[in-house]
Protein backbone atom coordinates (compact mmCIF):
# COMPACT_ATOMS: atom_id res chain seq x y z
CA MET A 1 254.06 286.28 66.14
CA VAL A 2 250.91 286.99 64.16
CA TRP A 3 248.15 289.14 65.59
CA LYS A 4 244.54 288.48 64.72
CA VAL A 5 242.73 291.53 63.29
CA LYS A 6 239.01 291.91 64.13
CA ILE A 7 236.88 294.78 62.84
CA GLU A 8 233.90 296.04 64.86
CA ALA A 9 230.64 296.79 62.99
CA LEU A 10 231.03 300.59 63.24
CA ALA A 11 234.55 300.45 61.77
CA GLU A 12 233.36 298.14 59.01
CA LYS A 13 230.60 300.60 58.16
CA GLU A 14 233.10 303.48 58.12
CA LEU A 15 235.43 301.53 55.85
CA GLY A 16 232.53 300.82 53.48
CA ARG A 17 231.93 304.57 53.10
CA LEU A 18 235.51 305.21 51.96
CA ASP A 19 236.71 305.05 48.36
CA PRO A 20 237.63 301.43 47.65
CA PRO A 21 241.36 302.12 47.08
CA VAL A 22 241.57 303.97 50.41
CA ALA A 23 239.73 301.20 52.29
CA GLU A 24 242.01 298.63 50.66
CA ARG A 25 245.10 300.61 51.70
CA ILE A 26 243.90 300.70 55.30
CA LEU A 27 243.08 296.98 55.34
CA ASN A 28 246.46 296.16 53.77
CA TYR A 29 248.11 298.18 56.54
CA MET A 30 246.20 296.29 59.23
CA TYR A 31 246.45 292.77 57.84
CA GLY A 32 249.72 293.02 55.94
CA TYR A 33 251.81 295.17 58.28
CA LEU A 34 250.42 295.50 61.82
CA ALA A 35 249.28 291.92 62.16
CA ASN A 36 252.80 290.71 61.42
CA LEU A 37 254.61 292.95 63.94
CA LYS A 38 256.07 291.45 67.08
CA ASN A 39 254.65 294.39 69.03
CA PRO A 40 251.99 296.62 67.37
CA ARG A 41 252.80 299.29 69.95
CA SER A 42 256.14 299.84 68.29
CA VAL A 43 254.35 302.03 65.72
CA GLY A 44 251.44 304.42 66.15
CA GLU A 45 250.56 306.34 69.29
CA PRO A 46 248.45 305.67 72.38
CA LEU A 47 245.27 307.63 72.81
CA ARG A 48 245.44 309.95 75.76
CA SER A 49 243.47 308.26 78.51
CA GLU A 50 243.97 306.62 81.88
CA SER A 51 245.06 303.37 80.29
CA ASN A 52 246.92 302.63 77.10
CA VAL A 53 244.29 300.19 75.85
CA PHE A 54 243.45 302.22 72.73
CA TRP A 55 246.07 302.83 70.09
CA ARG A 56 245.89 304.98 66.96
CA TYR A 57 247.61 304.51 63.63
CA ARG A 58 247.88 306.89 60.70
CA VAL A 59 247.57 305.79 57.08
CA GLY A 60 247.94 308.94 54.94
CA ASP A 61 245.12 311.31 55.93
CA TYR A 62 243.22 308.48 57.67
CA ARG A 63 243.22 307.20 61.23
CA ILE A 64 242.67 303.77 62.61
CA ILE A 65 241.72 303.39 66.28
CA THR A 66 242.30 299.93 67.80
CA SER A 67 242.11 298.14 71.08
CA ILE A 68 245.13 295.88 71.63
CA GLU A 69 244.33 292.71 73.52
CA ASP A 70 247.65 291.11 74.47
CA GLU A 71 246.18 287.93 75.93
CA GLY A 72 244.56 286.80 72.69
CA LEU A 73 246.97 288.60 70.34
CA ILE A 74 244.03 290.58 68.93
CA LEU A 75 243.99 293.99 67.25
CA LEU A 76 240.34 295.12 67.45
CA VAL A 77 239.59 297.92 64.99
CA ILE A 78 237.10 300.28 66.60
CA ARG A 79 237.10 303.25 64.19
CA ALA A 80 238.57 303.90 60.78
CA GLY A 81 238.32 306.97 58.58
CA GLN A 82 239.34 310.51 58.04
CA MET A 83 239.46 312.12 61.49
């Protein structure tokens, strides 16, 4: 099962502000690791809210906030950066 990774404009802007090796490391994590998992909820943690729609992942000192859309097998990156 391969998940499609989409990056929102704000997250893309935040990734552009990071050092290129850090941004590349985060993108490799998303496209190379998370996208190939059977269930991306098997790693990371849910954000504390009423629903578990938003999920966070840690890559070193950086965080990735995603929305997981099971119907379309989509990982939508909402925020990325040092948080």
